[in-house]
Amino acid sequence: MAGVVTGTPGLRQVTLAAAQTRLAVLGSPIAHSLSPSLHRAAYGVLGLPWDYDAAEVTGETLGAFLGSRDATWRGLSLTMPLKRDVLPLLDTRDALVDQTGSANTVLFEQRGGERALVGFNTDVYGITEAFRRHEHGSLETVQILGGGATAASAIAAVGRLSASRVFVSMRSAARAEELISVGRSHGIDVIIGTLDSAAHIGVVPDAVISTLPNGSEVHVEFAPATLSSAVLFDVAYSPWPSALAARWRGDVISGLEMLVLQALVQVRIFVSGNPELLLENEPEVLAAMLAVAGL
């Protein structure tokens, strides 16, 4: 069974060999990914001559890919569905991975000559901090569109923003119990419904979070009050604006902000092994990454 990483802020959890200089983002398709540009910008500011690339990997080939990495590899970023596929391959993982059932970051950690795969979830931070950057530091009622791994991370994220009630509107209720469990662990009452009934939850939420894939059409006729007063967080960012964002009247947060902010924590992990340990010159690192994303 995988253990849990319980890092202490300010302490370096791992000593990474100087030879470990290779990183990549994995997924399928992956050629469009902005992650290589974001990470390269960060390591440029930090003065680290590391290589960060993109690799076409599916759930079927993930195990072989991980097993074939040599001692030059430091870590990986993962897109869906690899965030769930990687779980049985991890040696240890942080608490957020257990809470959300997904890991988007893998660190190759050296332990007494042996290599261990350590999993982290940085999506929760990315969502939380994107809301805070838009001065939405406290939410009470939230509606989430979609029921996948990102929805679970979104529930954990709004829990950090004091939300007490989350309506999840999903195509299939297959993972309903998982999402209810995530909410329970954060003191949130999760109410499951369908996308067809998403416009009829009976309240005007403080925020609507769409976790649907890029390009997905959302045929929901939201009430005028929701369109005007709720903040929309759409994790999609290509193409942008999404159809939903284009018709929203209130504040809109692009998934690009989540992408940059979760990547910032990945950089922390790859540099020190600790997602809570700030980088040297972190404001400059973040500014360089935001510039790459056009933010």
Protein backbone atom coordinates (compact mmCIF):
# COMPACT_ATOMS: atom_id res chain seq x y z
CA MET A 1 0.00 0.00 0.00
CA ALA A 2 1.28 3.46 -0.83
CA GLY A 3 2.28 5.63 2.08
CA VAL A 4 1.40 9.27 2.63
CA VAL A 5 3.82 12.16 2.35
CA THR A 6 3.43 14.42 5.37
CA GLY A 7 6.02 17.06 4.58
CA THR A 8 6.80 19.87 7.00
CA PRO A 9 6.90 23.37 5.47
CA GLY A 10 10.41 24.75 5.23
CA LEU A 11 12.13 21.38 5.29
CA ARG A 12 13.74 19.80 2.25
CA GLN A 13 12.18 16.35 1.94
CA VAL A 14 14.47 14.83 -0.62
CA THR A 15 18.04 15.15 -1.83
CA LEU A 16 17.95 14.94 -5.59
CA ALA A 17 21.02 13.82 -7.49
CA ALA A 18 22.62 16.55 -9.58
CA ALA A 19 22.39 14.23 -12.60
CA GLN A 20 18.56 14.28 -12.49
CA THR A 21 17.78 16.94 -15.06
CA ARG A 22 15.01 15.45 -17.24
CA LEU A 23 11.27 16.09 -16.93
CA ALA A 24 8.22 15.75 -19.14
CA VAL A 25 4.46 16.08 -19.33
CA LEU A 26 2.64 12.90 -20.35
CA GLY A 27 -0.70 12.50 -22.06
CA SER A 28 -2.53 11.68 -25.28
CA PRO A 29 -2.85 13.88 -27.24
CA ILE A 30 -0.05 16.01 -25.80
CA ALA A 31 1.54 18.00 -28.65
CA HIS A 32 -0.62 21.04 -27.82
CA SER A 33 0.48 21.19 -24.17
CA LEU A 34 1.69 24.52 -22.80
CA SER A 35 3.48 22.81 -19.90
CA PRO A 36 6.92 22.59 -21.57
CA SER A 37 6.96 26.34 -22.20
CA LEU A 38 5.78 27.11 -18.66
CA HIS A 39 8.36 24.88 -17.00
CA ARG A 40 11.21 26.00 -19.23
CA ALA A 41 10.45 29.62 -18.35
CA ALA A 42 10.56 28.76 -14.64
CA TYR A 43 13.85 26.88 -14.82
CA GLY A 44 15.32 29.70 -16.89
CA VAL A 45 14.62 32.18 -14.08
CA LEU A 46 16.02 29.71 -11.53
CA GLY A 47 19.16 29.15 -13.59
CA LEU A 48 18.57 25.41 -13.83
CA PRO A 49 19.66 23.76 -17.12
CA TRP A 50 16.90 21.14 -17.04
CA ASP A 51 15.13 19.53 -19.98
CA TYR A 52 11.32 19.47 -19.96
CA ASP A 53 9.54 17.86 -22.90
CA ALA A 54 6.17 16.34 -23.86
CA ALA A 55 5.67 12.60 -24.38
CA GLU A 56 2.72 10.78 -25.93
CA VAL A 57 1.71 8.22 -23.30
CA THR A 58 -1.59 6.40 -22.71
CA GLY A 59 -2.86 4.47 -19.72
CA GLU A 60 -1.80 1.26 -21.44
CA THR A 61 1.81 2.43 -21.91
CA LEU A 62 2.22 4.40 -18.67
CA GLY A 63 3.69 1.55 -16.62
CA ALA A 64 6.28 0.72 -19.26
CA PHE A 65 7.20 4.38 -19.63
CA LEU A 66 7.74 4.84 -15.89
CA GLY A 67 9.73 1.63 -15.62
CA SER A 68 12.06 2.58 -18.46
CA ARG A 69 13.16 5.97 -17.07
CA ASP A 70 16.83 6.03 -16.11
CA ALA A 71 18.66 7.96 -13.37
CA THR A 72 18.60 11.21 -15.35
CA TRP A 73 14.86 11.61 -14.74
CA ARG A 74 13.60 13.94 -12.00
CA GLY A 75 9.82 13.97 -12.45
CA LEU A 76 6.67 14.03 -14.57
CA SER A 77 3.49 16.02 -15.04
CA LEU A 78 0.36 14.05 -15.93
CA THR A 79 -2.82 14.86 -17.84
CA MET A 80 -6.09 12.91 -17.73
CA PRO A 81 -6.71 9.99 -17.66
CA LEU A 82 -3.19 9.32 -16.41
CA LYS A 83 -3.93 11.15 -13.15
CA ARG A 84 -5.92 8.09 -12.06
CA ASP A 85 -4.03 5.45 -14.03
CA VAL A 86 -0.81 6.26 -12.14
CA LEU A 87 -2.20 5.59 -8.66
CA PRO A 88 -1.38 1.85 -8.41
CA LEU A 89 2.13 2.56 -9.71
CA LEU A 90 3.07 4.99 -6.92
CA ASP A 91 5.21 4.05 -3.93
CA THR A 92 4.06 6.98 -1.78
CA ARG A 93 1.68 9.89 -2.26
CA ASP A 94 0.61 13.06 -0.53
CA ALA A 95 -2.65 13.37 1.37
CA LEU A 96 -4.40 15.26 -1.45
CA VAL A 97 -3.87 12.33 -3.80
CA ASP A 98 -5.72 10.06 -1.38
CA GLN A 99 -8.47 12.65 -0.85
CA THR A 100 -9.11 13.34 -4.55
CA GLY A 101 -8.15 10.01 -6.12
CA SER A 102 -5.82 11.67 -8.62
CA ALA A 103 -2.14 12.58 -8.95
CA ASN A 104 -0.92 15.01 -11.61
CA THR A 105 2.73 15.04 -10.52
CA VAL A 106 5.30 12.28 -10.03
CA LEU A 107 8.69 12.79 -8.39
CA PHE A 108 11.48 10.27 -8.89
CA GLU A 109 12.92 10.17 -5.38
CA GLN A 110 16.18 8.44 -4.51
CA ARG A 111 16.08 6.50 -1.25
CA GLY A 112 19.31 4.74 -0.27
CA GLY A 113 20.15 3.84 -3.83
CA GLU A 114 16.58 2.78 -4.65
CA ARG A 115 14.10 4.81 -6.67
CA ALA A 116 10.61 5.57 -5.38
CA LEU A 117 7.71 7.14 -7.27
CA VAL A 118 6.05 9.86 -5.18
CA GLY A 119 2.70 11.25 -6.31
CA PHE A 120 1.29 14.73 -5.68
CA ASN A 121 -1.87 16.65 -6.55
CA THR A 122 -1.18 20.30 -7.42
CA ASP A 123 -4.55 20.91 -9.12
CA VAL A 124 -6.18 21.74 -5.79
CA TYR A 125 -3.69 24.57 -5.22
CA GLY A 126 -4.14 25.78 -8.80
CA ILE A 127 -7.91 26.12 -8.40
CA THR A 128 -7.76 27.65 -4.93
CA GLU A 129 -5.16 30.27 -5.81
CA ALA A 130 -6.89 31.20 -9.07
CA PHE A 131 -10.00 32.12 -7.08
CA ARG A 132 -7.91 34.09 -4.60
CA ARG A 133 -6.15 36.00 -7.38
CA HIS A 134 -9.61 37.19 -8.45
CA GLU A 135 -10.46 38.17 -4.88
CA HIS A 136 -12.87 35.29 -4.33
CA GLY A 137 -11.28 34.03 -1.15
CA SER A 138 -14.52 32.82 0.44
CA LEU A 139 -17.29 30.78 -1.16
CA GLU A 140 -20.37 29.19 0.38
CA THR A 141 -22.34 27.48 -2.40
CA VAL A 142 -20.65 26.17 -5.55
CA GLN A 143 -21.89 24.35 -8.64
CA ILE A 144 -19.53 22.03 -10.51
CA LEU A 145 -20.13 20.79 -14.06
CA GLY A 146 -18.58 17.38 -14.71
CA GLY A 147 -17.73 14.50 -12.40
CA GLY A 148 -14.18 13.42 -13.19
CA ALA A 149 -10.86 13.79 -11.40
CA THR A 150 -10.81 17.58 -11.81
CA ALA A 151 -14.23 17.79 -10.16
CA ALA A 152 -12.83 15.96 -7.13
CA SER A 153 -9.93 18.43 -6.98
CA ALA A 154 -12.39 21.31 -7.32
CA ILE A 155 -14.39 20.06 -4.33
CA ALA A 156 -11.21 19.88 -2.24
CA ALA A 157 -10.22 23.35 -3.45
CA VAL A 158 -13.50 25.09 -2.59
CA GLY A 159 -13.37 23.36 0.79
CA ARG A 160 -10.25 25.44 1.41
CA LEU A 161 -12.33 28.49 0.53
CA SER A 162 -14.95 27.69 3.21
CA ALA A 163 -17.60 26.26 0.88
CA SER A 164 -20.21 24.20 2.72
CA ARG A 165 -22.42 23.06 -0.17
CA VAL A 166 -21.52 21.85 -3.67
CA PHE A 167 -23.94 20.85 -6.43
CA VAL A 168 -22.29 18.49 -8.93
CA SER A 169 -23.99 18.28 -12.33
CA MET A 170 -22.60 15.29 -14.22
CA ARG A 171 -23.39 13.15 -17.25
CA SER A 172 -23.07 9.88 -15.34
CA ALA A 173 -23.43 9.15 -11.65
CA ALA A 174 -20.77 6.42 -11.80
CA ARG A 175 -18.39 8.36 -9.53
CA ALA A 176 -21.02 10.04 -7.38
CA GLU A 177 -20.00 8.23 -4.20
CA GLU A 178 -16.35 9.20 -4.69
CA LEU A 179 -17.25 12.88 -4.98
CA ILE A 180 -19.59 12.71 -1.97
CA SER A 181 -16.73 11.16 0.00
CA VAL A 182 -14.34 13.95 -1.05
CA GLY A 183 -16.88 16.50 0.10
CA ARG A 184 -17.42 14.72 3.40
CA SER A 185 -13.68 14.82 4.14
CA HIS A 186 -13.77 18.60 3.71
CA GLY A 187 -17.01 19.26 5.59
CA ILE A 188 -18.99 19.85 2.38
CA ASP A 189 -22.47 18.62 1.56
CA VAL A 190 -22.26 17.34 -2.04
CA ILE A 191 -25.54 17.09 -3.96
CA ILE A 192 -25.40 15.05 -7.17
CA GLY A 193 -27.52 15.88 -10.21
CA THR A 194 -27.43 15.59 -13.99
CA LEU A 195 -26.18 18.08 -16.57
CA ASP A 196 -29.68 18.14 -17.99
CA SER A 197 -30.98 19.57 -14.70
CA ALA A 198 -27.98 21.83 -14.02
CA ALA A 199 -30.04 24.99 -14.49
CA HIS A 200 -32.51 23.95 -11.80
CA ILE A 201 -30.53 23.53 -8.58
CA GLY A 202 -32.81 26.00 -6.80
CA VAL A 203 -30.17 28.50 -5.66
CA VAL A 204 -27.82 31.07 -7.15
CA PRO A 205 -24.31 29.74 -6.42
CA ASP A 206 -21.35 31.91 -5.55
CA ALA A 207 -19.33 30.13 -8.23
CA VAL A 208 -19.80 27.77 -11.16
CA ILE A 209 -16.82 25.56 -12.00
CA SER A 210 -16.84 23.79 -15.36
CA THR A 211 -14.46 20.82 -15.37
CA LEU A 212 -15.63 19.63 -18.78
CA PRO A 213 -12.94 18.99 -21.42
CA ASN A 214 -11.79 21.70 -23.84
CA GLY A 215 -14.31 22.20 -26.59
CA SER A 216 -17.21 20.55 -24.76
CA GLU A 217 -20.49 22.30 -25.38
CA VAL A 218 -22.48 23.08 -22.24
CA HIS A 219 -26.17 23.27 -23.07
CA VAL A 220 -27.32 24.75 -19.78
CA GLU A 221 -29.65 27.74 -19.66
CA PHE A 222 -28.43 29.32 -16.43
CA ALA A 223 -30.70 31.82 -14.72
CA PRO A 224 -29.85 35.48 -15.42
CA ALA A 225 -28.96 35.95 -11.75
CA THR A 226 -26.40 33.15 -11.95
CA LEU A 227 -24.88 34.47 -15.19
CA SER A 228 -24.54 37.94 -13.65
CA SER A 229 -23.52 37.33 -10.05
CA ALA A 230 -21.70 34.00 -9.91
CA VAL A 231 -18.02 33.79 -10.84
CA LEU A 232 -17.34 31.26 -13.60
CA PHE A 233 -14.19 29.15 -13.36
CA ASP A 234 -13.79 27.24 -16.63
CA VAL A 235 -10.85 24.83 -16.54
CA ALA A 236 -10.90 24.82 -20.35
CA TYR A 237 -8.52 27.26 -22.04
CA SER A 238 -8.16 26.14 -25.66
CA PRO A 239 -10.02 27.45 -27.54
CA TRP A 240 -10.68 30.51 -25.38
CA PRO A 241 -13.09 31.89 -24.57
CA SER A 242 -15.11 28.71 -24.27
CA ALA A 243 -18.73 28.86 -25.38
CA LEU A 244 -19.78 29.04 -21.73
CA ALA A 245 -17.29 31.80 -20.88
CA ALA A 246 -18.35 33.82 -23.92
CA ARG A 247 -21.93 34.13 -22.70
CA TRP A 248 -21.11 34.67 -19.00
CA ARG A 249 -21.86 38.16 -17.67
CA GLY A 250 -20.03 38.06 -14.35
CA ASP A 251 -16.39 37.46 -13.46
CA VAL A 252 -14.68 34.70 -15.47
CA ILE A 253 -11.52 32.79 -14.57
CA SER A 254 -9.71 30.94 -17.34
CA GLY A 255 -8.26 27.49 -16.93
CA LEU A 256 -4.94 29.01 -17.99
CA GLU A 257 -4.61 30.46 -14.49
CA MET A 258 -5.10 27.04 -12.92
CA LEU A 259 -2.57 25.59 -15.38
CA VAL A 260 0.09 28.14 -14.43
CA LEU A 261 -0.51 27.99 -10.68
CA GLN A 262 -0.54 24.19 -10.46
CA ALA A 263 2.64 24.15 -12.57
CA LEU A 264 4.28 26.55 -10.11
CA VAL A 265 3.81 23.99 -7.33
CA GLN A 266 5.12 21.27 -9.62
CA VAL A 267 8.29 23.33 -10.01
CA ARG A 268 8.56 23.53 -6.21
CA ILE A 269 8.26 19.74 -6.03
CA PHE A 270 10.85 19.13 -8.72
CA VAL A 271 13.28 21.60 -7.10
CA SER A 272 12.94 20.60 -3.44
CA GLY A 273 10.50 17.72 -3.13
CA ASN A 274 8.23 19.90 -0.99
CA PRO A 275 5.09 21.51 -2.50
CA GLU A 276 4.95 24.03 0.36
CA LEU A 277 8.55 25.23 0.17
CA LEU A 278 8.66 28.50 -1.76
CA LEU A 279 11.13 28.85 -4.60
CA GLU A 280 14.00 31.27 -4.58
CA ASN A 281 12.76 34.33 -6.50
CA GLU A 282 9.27 32.78 -6.69
CA PRO A 283 7.54 36.06 -7.68
CA GLU A 284 9.87 36.34 -10.69
CA VAL A 285 9.30 32.68 -11.56
CA LEU A 286 5.52 33.12 -11.45
CA ALA A 287 5.72 36.31 -13.53
CA ALA A 288 7.69 34.49 -16.23
CA MET A 289 5.17 31.65 -16.31
CA LEU A 290 2.20 34.02 -16.46
CA ALA A 291 3.86 35.87 -19.35
CA VAL A 292 4.20 32.60 -21.29
CA ALA A 293 0.47 32.01 -20.81
CA GLY A 294 -0.38 35.55 -21.87
CA LEU A 295 -1.79 36.45 -18.44
